[in-house]
Amino acid sequence: MSTYAIGDLQGCAASYDALLERIAFDPRHDRIWLVGDLVNRGPDSLTALRRAMAMDASTVAVLGNHDLHLLAVSAGVRKSGKGDTIAPILAAPDADVLLDWLRHRPLAHRGTVRSAREAGERDVDVLMVHAGILPTWDADDTMRLAGEVEAALRRDDWRTTLAGLFGNRPARWSESLVDGDRLRAIVNGLTRLRYCSDDGRIDFDAKDAPAATGVAFPAPPAGYRPWFEIATRRTRDALVVFGHWSTLGLMVRDDVIALDSGCVWGGALTAVRLEDRAVFQVPCPQALRPG
């Protein structure tokens, strides 16, 4: 069995189909891990969401910020944005089924993969989230806190929960947070994180990659760094798989795999086979221009 982690689809259904063909995916033996942002900005969010749901038996998909945005728009607690491509989902005859399936996806997934990279196979603890993990959280914390949000989104008052999940405050996690502040801080850590301070305070403005040139986006303030570069990060013993950061692009390290290679921007859609870190990509037509 092979496990393929795949980057942000963002409605690029044709690219997803091409990538599944490229890896010769066999649902009888293989598994797909999707890092979230299944929808929005790309040309065919409806088909991408339908495809993910149809493959549910062989696929794990975590929620990304665009997936949560779709749910919030569908619930009437957030307005659709100028560049959104989610209207066909909301108008589809199977919209209720699709949105209910999406609402029941996790915010974090943890599994064990049998690594074949070194002499003598070993089991690797793998955590998948959409954007990142705050440095003060270990793997158990991540799953516990993600579970709090998941439980809230699956209750009858899920629309009220969604209404409180958006915003930049509080910017730093504390175990003493309660109610909406607590759930919002968890969601921001798992679905919006790029740069943070050593104590986990998030910078919400900087989006450019650390080594990028030019000033396409604001640079992070002094004292902030990519979340995976925090020396005291408590998830260093696990392999963390994430997407969200298209300007960072593909990055495969022993401790982290970044998978958002800018499919919707005309980059590539990427899969990494977790057992041996083999990389598979398909080029993508540009669906959206930066700016």
C-alpha atoms as a PDB file:
ATOM      1  CA  MET A   1       0.000   0.000   0.000  1.00  0.00           C
ATOM      2  CA  SER A   2       1.192   3.515  -0.811  1.00  0.00           C
ATOM      3  CA  THR A   3       0.124   6.746   0.875  1.00  0.00           C
ATOM      4  CA  TYR A   4       0.114   9.863  -1.290  1.00  0.00           C
ATOM      5  CA  ALA A   5      -0.105  13.313   0.330  1.00  0.00           C
ATOM      6  CA  ILE A   6      -1.433  15.865  -2.162  1.00  0.00           C
ATOM      7  CA  GLY A   7      -1.324  19.662  -2.059  1.00  0.00           C
ATOM      8  CA  ASP A   8      -4.091  22.262  -2.237  1.00  0.00           C
ATOM      9  CA  LEU A   9      -6.567  21.427  -5.025  1.00  0.00           C
ATOM     10  CA  GLN A  10      -8.427  24.751  -4.859  1.00  0.00           C
ATOM     11  CA  GLY A  11     -10.976  23.628  -7.413  1.00  0.00           C
ATOM     12  CA  CYS A  12      -8.463  22.359  -9.993  1.00  0.00           C
ATOM     13  CA  ALA A  13     -10.366  19.138 -10.650  1.00  0.00           C
ATOM     14  CA  ALA A  14      -8.771  18.332 -14.005  1.00  0.00           C
ATOM     15  CA  SER A  15      -5.294  18.624 -12.493  1.00  0.00           C
ATOM     16  CA  TYR A  16      -6.351  16.307  -9.669  1.00  0.00           C
ATOM     17  CA  ASP A  17      -7.562  13.704 -12.168  1.00  0.00           C
ATOM     18  CA  ALA A  18      -4.290  14.002 -14.077  1.00  0.00           C
ATOM     19  CA  LEU A  19      -2.267  13.559 -10.900  1.00  0.00           C
ATOM     20  CA  LEU A  20      -4.242  10.463  -9.880  1.00  0.00           C
ATOM     21  CA  GLU A  21      -3.441   9.028 -13.292  1.00  0.00           C
ATOM     22  CA  ARG A  22       0.209  10.043 -12.949  1.00  0.00           C
ATOM     23  CA  ILE A  23       0.586   8.092  -9.687  1.00  0.00           C
ATOM     24  CA  ALA A  24      -1.500   5.177 -11.020  1.00  0.00           C
ATOM     25  CA  PHE A  25      -3.706   5.449  -7.952  1.00  0.00           C
ATOM     26  CA  ASP A  26      -5.460   2.202  -7.008  1.00  0.00           C
ATOM     27  CA  PRO A  27      -8.115   2.646  -4.292  1.00  0.00           C
ATOM     28  CA  ARG A  28      -7.896  -1.050  -3.449  1.00  0.00           C
ATOM     29  CA  HIS A  29      -4.352  -0.622  -2.181  1.00  0.00           C
ATOM     30  CA  ASP A  30      -3.440   3.075  -1.981  1.00  0.00           C
ATOM     31  CA  ARG A  31      -4.521   5.972   0.205  1.00  0.00           C
ATOM     32  CA  ILE A  32      -4.775   9.714  -0.505  1.00  0.00           C
ATOM     33  CA  TRP A  33      -4.158  12.428   2.105  1.00  0.00           C
ATOM     34  CA  LEU A  34      -5.419  15.868   1.007  1.00  0.00           C
ATOM     35  CA  VAL A  35      -4.032  18.885   2.889  1.00  0.00           C
ATOM     36  CA  GLY A  36      -7.206  20.973   2.574  1.00  0.00           C
ATOM     37  CA  ASP A  37      -8.427  23.855   0.437  1.00  0.00           C
ATOM     38  CA  LEU A  38     -10.256  21.446  -1.804  1.00  0.00           C
ATOM     39  CA  VAL A  39     -12.226  24.346  -3.251  1.00  0.00           C
ATOM     40  CA  ASN A  40     -12.161  27.976  -4.359  1.00  0.00           C
ATOM     41  CA  ARG A  41     -10.214  30.123  -6.794  1.00  0.00           C
ATOM     42  CA  GLY A  42      -9.811  27.279  -9.298  1.00  0.00           C
ATOM     43  CA  PRO A  43     -12.059  26.583 -12.300  1.00  0.00           C
ATOM     44  CA  ASP A  44     -14.112  23.608 -11.061  1.00  0.00           C
ATOM     45  CA  SER A  45     -14.617  23.578  -7.312  1.00  0.00           C
ATOM     46  CA  LEU A  46     -17.835  21.580  -7.640  1.00  0.00           C
ATOM     47  CA  THR A  47     -16.176  18.658  -9.429  1.00  0.00           C
ATOM     48  CA  ALA A  48     -13.167  18.746  -7.086  1.00  0.00           C
ATOM     49  CA  LEU A  49     -15.433  18.482  -4.052  1.00  0.00           C
ATOM     50  CA  ARG A  50     -17.544  15.748  -5.623  1.00  0.00           C
ATOM     51  CA  ARG A  51     -14.414  13.794  -6.531  1.00  0.00           C
ATOM     52  CA  ALA A  52     -13.027  13.978  -2.996  1.00  0.00           C
ATOM     53  CA  MET A  53     -16.334  12.870  -1.488  1.00  0.00           C
ATOM     54  CA  ALA A  54     -16.720  10.010  -3.982  1.00  0.00           C
ATOM     55  CA  MET A  55     -13.258   8.740  -2.977  1.00  0.00           C
ATOM     56  CA  ASP A  56     -14.023   8.990   0.741  1.00  0.00           C
ATOM     57  CA  ALA A  57     -13.222   5.326   1.459  1.00  0.00           C
ATOM     58  CA  SER A  58      -9.625   5.766   0.308  1.00  0.00           C
ATOM     59  CA  THR A  59      -9.111   9.465   1.111  1.00  0.00           C
ATOM     60  CA  VAL A  60      -8.486  11.601   4.192  1.00  0.00           C
ATOM     61  CA  ALA A  61      -9.045  15.330   3.673  1.00  0.00           C
ATOM     62  CA  VAL A  62      -8.469  17.981   6.334  1.00  0.00           C
ATOM     63  CA  LEU A  63     -10.226  21.337   6.326  1.00  0.00           C
ATOM     64  CA  GLY A  64      -8.436  24.381   4.942  1.00  0.00           C
ATOM     65  CA  ASN A  65      -9.299  28.056   5.284  1.00  0.00           C
ATOM     66  CA  HIS A  66     -11.078  28.097   1.905  1.00  0.00           C
ATOM     67  CA  ASP A  67     -13.159  25.067   2.880  1.00  0.00           C
ATOM     68  CA  LEU A  68     -14.234  26.819   6.070  1.00  0.00           C
ATOM     69  CA  HIS A  69     -15.021  29.933   4.034  1.00  0.00           C
ATOM     70  CA  LEU A  70     -17.317  27.897   1.771  1.00  0.00           C
ATOM     71  CA  LEU A  71     -19.134  26.480   4.801  1.00  0.00           C
ATOM     72  CA  ALA A  72     -19.516  29.967   6.283  1.00  0.00           C
ATOM     73  CA  VAL A  73     -20.924  31.391   3.039  1.00  0.00           C
ATOM     74  CA  SER A  74     -23.339  28.472   2.772  1.00  0.00           C
ATOM     75  CA  ALA A  75     -24.466  29.122   6.351  1.00  0.00           C
ATOM     76  CA  GLY A  76     -25.088  32.803   5.631  1.00  0.00           C
ATOM     77  CA  VAL A  77     -22.531  34.019   8.172  1.00  0.00           C
ATOM     78  CA  ARG A  78     -19.966  35.248   5.622  1.00  0.00           C
ATOM     79  CA  LYS A  79     -20.197  36.911   2.217  1.00  0.00           C
ATOM     80  CA  SER A  80     -18.685  35.437  -0.910  1.00  0.00           C
ATOM     81  CA  GLY A  81     -15.524  37.210  -2.070  1.00  0.00           C
ATOM     82  CA  LYS A  82     -14.679  38.744  -5.435  1.00  0.00           C
ATOM     83  CA  GLY A  83     -12.413  35.892  -6.542  1.00  0.00           C
ATOM     84  CA  ASP A  84     -14.518  33.045  -5.172  1.00  0.00           C
ATOM     85  CA  THR A  85     -15.485  30.135  -7.433  1.00  0.00           C
ATOM     86  CA  ILE A  86     -17.831  28.431  -4.999  1.00  0.00           C
ATOM     87  CA  ALA A  87     -21.179  29.549  -6.462  1.00  0.00           C
ATOM     88  CA  PRO A  88     -21.656  26.325  -8.493  1.00  0.00           C
ATOM     89  CA  ILE A  89     -21.372  24.299  -5.276  1.00  0.00           C
ATOM     90  CA  LEU A  90     -24.003  26.407  -3.527  1.00  0.00           C
ATOM     91  CA  ALA A  91     -26.354  26.060  -6.522  1.00  0.00           C
ATOM     92  CA  ALA A  92     -25.783  22.338  -7.077  1.00  0.00           C
ATOM     93  CA  PRO A  93     -28.650  19.885  -6.513  1.00  0.00           C
ATOM     94  CA  ASP A  94     -26.405  17.874  -4.184  1.00  0.00           C
ATOM     95  CA  ALA A  95     -25.138  20.948  -2.303  1.00  0.00           C
ATOM     96  CA  ASP A  96     -26.541  19.845   1.060  1.00  0.00           C
ATOM     97  CA  VAL A  97     -24.864  16.441   0.809  1.00  0.00           C
ATOM     98  CA  LEU A  98     -21.532  17.923  -0.282  1.00  0.00           C
ATOM     99  CA  LEU A  99     -21.500  20.582   2.431  1.00  0.00           C
ATOM    100  CA  ASP A 100     -22.504  18.114   5.125  1.00  0.00           C
ATOM    101  CA  TRP A 101     -19.642  15.836   4.066  1.00  0.00           C
ATOM    102  CA  LEU A 102     -17.205  18.757   4.093  1.00  0.00           C
ATOM    103  CA  ARG A 103     -18.372  19.930   7.513  1.00  0.00           C
ATOM    104  CA  HIS A 104     -17.507  16.515   8.964  1.00  0.00           C
ATOM    105  CA  ARG A 105     -13.894  16.553   7.763  1.00  0.00           C
ATOM    106  CA  PRO A 106     -11.165  16.797  10.440  1.00  0.00           C
ATOM    107  CA  LEU A 107      -8.822  19.729  10.997  1.00  0.00           C
ATOM    108  CA  ALA A 108      -5.887  17.431  11.684  1.00  0.00           C
ATOM    109  CA  HIS A 109      -5.073  13.838  10.828  1.00  0.00           C
ATOM    110  CA  ARG A 110      -2.489  11.571  12.442  1.00  0.00           C
ATOM    111  CA  GLY A 111      -1.271   8.263  11.119  1.00  0.00           C
ATOM    112  CA  THR A 112       1.699   5.930  10.968  1.00  0.00           C
ATOM    113  CA  VAL A 113       3.566   5.304   7.746  1.00  0.00           C
ATOM    114  CA  ARG A 114       6.099   2.556   7.197  1.00  0.00           C
ATOM    115  CA  SER A 115       9.164   4.370   5.923  1.00  0.00           C
ATOM    116  CA  ALA A 116      11.302   2.600   3.338  1.00  0.00           C
ATOM    117  CA  ARG A 117      13.891   5.359   3.021  1.00  0.00           C
ATOM    118  CA  GLU A 118      16.596   4.048   5.333  1.00  0.00           C
ATOM    119  CA  ALA A 119      18.198   0.648   5.758  1.00  0.00           C
ATOM    120  CA  GLY A 120      15.768  -1.203   7.960  1.00  0.00           C
ATOM    121  CA  GLU A 121      12.186   0.009   7.714  1.00  0.00           C
ATOM    122  CA  ARG A 122      10.675   1.998  10.554  1.00  0.00           C
ATOM    123  CA  ASP A 123       7.315   3.468  11.473  1.00  0.00           C
ATOM    124  CA  VAL A 124       7.011   7.257  11.153  1.00  0.00           C
ATOM    125  CA  ASP A 125       4.448   9.321  13.064  1.00  0.00           C
ATOM    126  CA  VAL A 126       2.822  11.664  10.520  1.00  0.00           C
ATOM    127  CA  LEU A 127       0.623  14.684  11.245  1.00  0.00           C
ATOM    128  CA  MET A 128      -1.320  16.371   8.450  1.00  0.00           C
ATOM    129  CA  VAL A 129      -2.814  19.855   8.812  1.00  0.00           C
ATOM    130  CA  HIS A 130      -3.658  22.551   6.308  1.00  0.00           C
ATOM    131  CA  ALA A 131      -1.234  25.316   7.292  1.00  0.00           C
ATOM    132  CA  GLY A 132       0.922  24.522  10.315  1.00  0.00           C
ATOM    133  CA  ILE A 133       1.162  23.704  14.001  1.00  0.00           C
ATOM    134  CA  LEU A 134       1.935  26.246  16.699  1.00  0.00           C
ATOM    135  CA  PRO A 135       5.300  25.598  18.380  1.00  0.00           C
ATOM    136  CA  THR A 136       3.777  25.164  21.848  1.00  0.00           C
ATOM    137  CA  TRP A 137       1.606  22.231  20.697  1.00  0.00           C
ATOM    138  CA  ASP A 138       2.834  18.650  20.548  1.00  0.00           C
ATOM    139  CA  ALA A 139       1.164  15.982  18.424  1.00  0.00           C
ATOM    140  CA  ASP A 140      -1.296  15.010  21.142  1.00  0.00           C
ATOM    141  CA  ASP A 141      -2.215  18.661  21.742  1.00  0.00           C
ATOM    142  CA  THR A 142      -2.781  19.148  18.024  1.00  0.00           C
ATOM    143  CA  MET A 143      -5.220  16.269  17.756  1.00  0.00           C
ATOM    144  CA  ARG A 144      -7.016  17.207  20.981  1.00  0.00           C
ATOM    145  CA  LEU A 145      -7.479  20.846  20.007  1.00  0.00           C
ATOM    146  CA  ALA A 146      -8.478  20.030  16.443  1.00  0.00           C
ATOM    147  CA  GLY A 147     -11.060  17.687  17.925  1.00  0.00           C
ATOM    148  CA  GLU A 148     -12.631  20.532  19.894  1.00  0.00           C
ATOM    149  CA  VAL A 149     -13.355  22.463  16.701  1.00  0.00           C
ATOM    150  CA  GLU A 150     -14.468  19.345  14.846  1.00  0.00           C
ATOM    151  CA  ALA A 151     -16.979  18.526  17.578  1.00  0.00           C
ATOM    152  CA  ALA A 152     -18.351  22.084  17.513  1.00  0.00           C
ATOM    153  CA  LEU A 153     -18.781  22.013  13.726  1.00  0.00           C
ATOM    154  CA  ARG A 154     -20.731  18.749  13.952  1.00  0.00           C
ATOM    155  CA  ARG A 155     -23.296  19.996  16.469  1.00  0.00           C
ATOM    156  CA  ASP A 156     -26.728  21.340  15.563  1.00  0.00           C
ATOM    157  CA  ASP A 157     -25.563  24.934  16.236  1.00  0.00           C
ATOM    158  CA  TRP A 158     -22.623  24.638  13.792  1.00  0.00           C
ATOM    159  CA  ARG A 159     -23.652  27.837  12.011  1.00  0.00           C
ATOM    160  CA  THR A 160     -23.166  29.828  15.218  1.00  0.00           C
ATOM    161  CA  THR A 161     -19.761  28.199  15.650  1.00  0.00           C
ATOM    162  CA  LEU A 162     -18.730  29.134  12.101  1.00  0.00           C
ATOM    163  CA  ALA A 163     -19.738  32.754  12.616  1.00  0.00           C
ATOM    164  CA  GLY A 164     -17.145  33.063  15.367  1.00  0.00           C
ATOM    165  CA  LEU A 165     -14.207  31.365  13.655  1.00  0.00           C
ATOM    166  CA  PHE A 166     -12.993  34.306  11.542  1.00  0.00           C
ATOM    167  CA  GLY A 167     -10.696  37.073  12.770  1.00  0.00           C
ATOM    168  CA  ASN A 168      -7.113  37.737  13.866  1.00  0.00           C
ATOM    169  CA  ARG A 169      -7.621  37.859  17.614  1.00  0.00           C
ATOM    170  CA  PRO A 170      -6.347  36.379  19.784  1.00  0.00           C
ATOM    171  CA  ALA A 171      -3.038  36.210  17.928  1.00  0.00           C
ATOM    172  CA  ARG A 172      -1.382  33.906  20.470  1.00  0.00           C
ATOM    173  CA  TRP A 173      -2.581  30.624  21.894  1.00  0.00           C
ATOM    174  CA  SER A 174      -3.252  30.127  25.595  1.00  0.00           C
ATOM    175  CA  GLU A 175      -4.793  27.062  27.189  1.00  0.00           C
ATOM    176  CA  SER A 176      -6.909  29.454  29.265  1.00  0.00           C
ATOM    177  CA  LEU A 177      -8.831  30.686  26.198  1.00  0.00           C
ATOM    178  CA  VAL A 178     -12.517  29.801  26.164  1.00  0.00           C
ATOM    179  CA  ASP A 179     -15.510  29.732  23.823  1.00  0.00           C
ATOM    180  CA  GLY A 180     -15.163  31.572  20.495  1.00  0.00           C
ATOM    181  CA  ASP A 181     -11.680  32.927  21.230  1.00  0.00           C
ATOM    182  CA  ARG A 182     -10.434  29.416  21.898  1.00  0.00           C
ATOM    183  CA  LEU A 183     -11.901  27.862  18.748  1.00  0.00           C
ATOM    184  CA  ARG A 184     -10.758  30.819  16.597  1.00  0.00           C
ATOM    185  CA  ALA A 185      -7.198  30.530  17.893  1.00  0.00           C
ATOM    186  CA  ILE A 186      -7.137  26.811  17.126  1.00  0.00           C
ATOM    187  CA  VAL A 187      -8.479  27.341  13.606  1.00  0.00           C
ATOM    188  CA  ASN A 188      -5.982  30.125  12.921  1.00  0.00           C
ATOM    189  CA  GLY A 189      -3.118  27.932  14.082  1.00  0.00           C
ATOM    190  CA  LEU A 190      -4.140  25.003  11.896  1.00  0.00           C
ATOM    191  CA  THR A 191      -5.448  26.753   8.763  1.00  0.00           C
ATOM    192  CA  ARG A 192      -3.742  30.173   8.483  1.00  0.00           C
ATOM    193  CA  LEU A 193      -0.300  29.862  10.091  1.00  0.00           C
ATOM    194  CA  ARG A 194       2.855  30.811   8.208  1.00  0.00           C
ATOM    195  CA  TYR A 195       5.052  32.964  10.447  1.00  0.00           C
ATOM    196  CA  CYS A 196       4.992  33.107  14.233  1.00  0.00           C
ATOM    197  CA  SER A 197       7.161  34.033  17.196  1.00  0.00           C
ATOM    198  CA  ASP A 198       8.861  31.518  19.475  1.00  0.00           C
ATOM    199  CA  ASP A 199       5.925  31.715  21.885  1.00  0.00           C
ATOM    200  CA  GLY A 200       3.393  31.146  19.105  1.00  0.00           C
ATOM    201  CA  ARG A 201       2.151  34.660  18.303  1.00  0.00           C
ATOM    202  CA  ILE A 202       0.964  34.582  14.673  1.00  0.00           C
ATOM    203  CA  ASP A 203       1.758  37.170  12.027  1.00  0.00           C
ATOM    204  CA  PHE A 204      -1.255  37.272   9.695  1.00  0.00           C
ATOM    205  CA  ASP A 205       0.139  39.635   7.053  1.00  0.00           C
ATOM    206  CA  ALA A 206       3.361  38.160   5.660  1.00  0.00           C
ATOM    207  CA  LYS A 207       2.774  35.593   2.927  1.00  0.00           C
ATOM    208  CA  ASP A 208       6.026  35.579   0.965  1.00  0.00           C
ATOM    209  CA  ALA A 209       8.440  32.697   1.388  1.00  0.00           C
ATOM    210  CA  PRO A 210      11.510  33.328   3.586  1.00  0.00           C
ATOM    211  CA  ALA A 211      14.024  33.100   0.718  1.00  0.00           C
ATOM    212  CA  ALA A 212      11.940  34.912  -1.882  1.00  0.00           C
ATOM    213  CA  THR A 213      13.188  38.105  -3.477  1.00  0.00           C
ATOM    214  CA  GLY A 214      11.195  41.235  -4.116  1.00  0.00           C
ATOM    215  CA  VAL A 215       8.476  42.664  -1.909  1.00  0.00           C
ATOM    216  CA  ALA A 216       5.353  40.938  -3.193  1.00  0.00           C
ATOM    217  CA  PHE A 217       4.054  40.673   0.375  1.00  0.00           C
ATOM    218  CA  PRO A 218       5.072  42.313   3.650  1.00  0.00           C
ATOM    219  CA  ALA A 219       8.084  40.758   5.343  1.00  0.00           C
ATOM    220  CA  PRO A 220       7.460  39.361   8.827  1.00  0.00           C
ATOM    221  CA  PRO A 221       8.332  41.590  11.776  1.00  0.00           C
ATOM    222  CA  ALA A 222      11.528  41.018  13.713  1.00  0.00           C
ATOM    223  CA  GLY A 223      11.238  38.001  15.983  1.00  0.00           C
ATOM    224  CA  TYR A 224       8.946  36.071  13.639  1.00  0.00           C
ATOM    225  CA  ARG A 225      10.006  33.095  11.537  1.00  0.00           C
ATOM    226  CA  PRO A 226       8.392  30.228   9.631  1.00  0.00           C
ATOM    227  CA  TRP A 227       6.539  28.097  12.161  1.00  0.00           C
ATOM    228  CA  PHE A 228       8.563  24.997  11.240  1.00  0.00           C
ATOM    229  CA  GLU A 229      11.854  26.811  11.965  1.00  0.00           C
ATOM    230  CA  ILE A 230      11.053  27.483  15.627  1.00  0.00           C
ATOM    231  CA  ALA A 231      13.789  25.658  17.550  1.00  0.00           C
ATOM    232  CA  THR A 232      11.509  24.795  20.458  1.00  0.00           C
ATOM    233  CA  ARG A 233       8.732  23.415  18.235  1.00  0.00           C
ATOM    234  CA  ARG A 234       7.212  20.436  20.040  1.00  0.00           C
ATOM    235  CA  THR A 235       6.284  18.435  16.933  1.00  0.00           C
ATOM    236  CA  ARG A 236       9.862  17.825  15.776  1.00  0.00           C
ATOM    237  CA  ASP A 237       9.565  14.106  16.506  1.00  0.00           C
ATOM    238  CA  ALA A 238       6.790  13.739  13.923  1.00  0.00           C
ATOM    239  CA  LEU A 239       6.646  14.338  10.193  1.00  0.00           C
ATOM    240  CA  VAL A 240       4.270  17.277   9.595  1.00  0.00           C
ATOM    241  CA  VAL A 241       2.584  17.470   6.185  1.00  0.00           C
ATOM    242  CA  PHE A 242       0.942  20.767   5.208  1.00  0.00           C
ATOM    243  CA  GLY A 243      -0.053  23.056   2.339  1.00  0.00           C
ATOM    244  CA  HIS A 244      -1.406  26.630   2.320  1.00  0.00           C
ATOM    245  CA  TRP A 245       1.889  28.424   1.564  1.00  0.00           C
ATOM    246  CA  SER A 246       2.086  28.674  -2.222  1.00  0.00           C
ATOM    247  CA  THR A 247       5.024  31.104  -2.255  1.00  0.00           C
ATOM    248  CA  LEU A 248       7.016  28.572  -0.230  1.00  0.00           C
ATOM    249  CA  GLY A 249       6.231  25.836  -2.740  1.00  0.00           C
ATOM    250  CA  LEU A 250       7.302  22.221  -2.522  1.00  0.00           C
ATOM    251  CA  MET A 251       9.639  21.421   0.364  1.00  0.00           C
ATOM    252  CA  VAL A 252      10.561  17.896   1.426  1.00  0.00           C
ATOM    253  CA  ARG A 253      12.545  17.561   4.636  1.00  0.00           C
ATOM    254  CA  ASP A 254      12.877  14.847   7.257  1.00  0.00           C
ATOM    255  CA  ASP A 255      10.534  16.703   9.610  1.00  0.00           C
ATOM    256  CA  VAL A 256       8.159  18.613   7.299  1.00  0.00           C
ATOM    257  CA  ILE A 257       6.681  18.316   3.826  1.00  0.00           C
ATOM    258  CA  ALA A 258       5.153  21.448   2.263  1.00  0.00           C
ATOM    259  CA  LEU A 259       2.845  20.638  -0.645  1.00  0.00           C
ATOM    260  CA  ASP A 260       1.223  23.821  -1.965  1.00  0.00           C
ATOM    261  CA  SER A 261       3.073  24.233  -5.252  1.00  0.00           C
ATOM    262  CA  GLY A 262       0.706  26.866  -6.635  1.00  0.00           C
ATOM    263  CA  CYS A 263      -1.599  24.785  -8.815  1.00  0.00           C
ATOM    264  CA  VAL A 264      -4.208  27.528  -9.107  1.00  0.00           C
ATOM    265  CA  TRP A 265      -1.512  30.089  -9.983  1.00  0.00           C
ATOM    266  CA  GLY A 266      -0.188  28.071 -12.931  1.00  0.00           C
ATOM    267  CA  GLY A 267       2.360  26.069 -10.957  1.00  0.00           C
ATOM    268  CA  ALA A 268       1.959  22.353 -10.347  1.00  0.00           C
ATOM    269  CA  LEU A 269      -0.179  19.985  -8.339  1.00  0.00           C
ATOM    270  CA  THR A 270       2.084  17.817  -6.208  1.00  0.00           C
ATOM    271  CA  ALA A 271       1.865  14.409  -4.565  1.00  0.00           C
ATOM    272  CA  VAL A 272       4.516  12.963  -2.268  1.00  0.00           C
ATOM    273  CA  ARG A 273       4.511   9.236  -1.537  1.00  0.00           C
ATOM    274  CA  LEU A 274       5.072   9.213   2.194  1.00  0.00           C
ATOM    275  CA  GLU A 275       6.747   5.822   2.384  1.00  0.00           C
ATOM    276  CA  ASP A 276       9.793   6.908   0.350  1.00  0.00           C
ATOM    277  CA  ARG A 277       9.203  10.673  -0.235  1.00  0.00           C
ATOM    278  CA  ALA A 278       9.014  10.220  -4.010  1.00  0.00           C
ATOM    279  CA  VAL A 279       7.600  13.335  -5.697  1.00  0.00           C
ATOM    280  CA  PHE A 280       4.987  13.326  -8.474  1.00  0.00           C
ATOM    281  CA  GLN A 281       3.749  16.484 -10.199  1.00  0.00           C
ATOM    282  CA  VAL A 282       1.492  17.592 -13.019  1.00  0.00           C
ATOM    283  CA  PRO A 283       1.737  21.087 -14.539  1.00  0.00           C
ATOM    284  CA  CYS A 284      -1.381  23.200 -14.126  1.00  0.00           C
ATOM    285  CA  PRO A 285      -2.888  25.866 -16.386  1.00  0.00           C
ATOM    286  CA  GLN A 286      -3.078  29.222 -14.673  1.00  0.00           C
ATOM    287  CA  ALA A 287      -6.561  29.736 -13.251  1.00  0.00           C
ATOM    288  CA  LEU A 288      -5.832  32.925 -11.331  1.00  0.00           C
ATOM    289  CA  ARG A 289      -3.341  35.749 -11.625  1.00  0.00           C
ATOM    290  CA  PRO A 290      -1.607  37.100  -8.533  1.00  0.00           C
ATOM    291  CA  GLY A 291      -2.558  40.544  -7.430  1.00  0.00           C
END
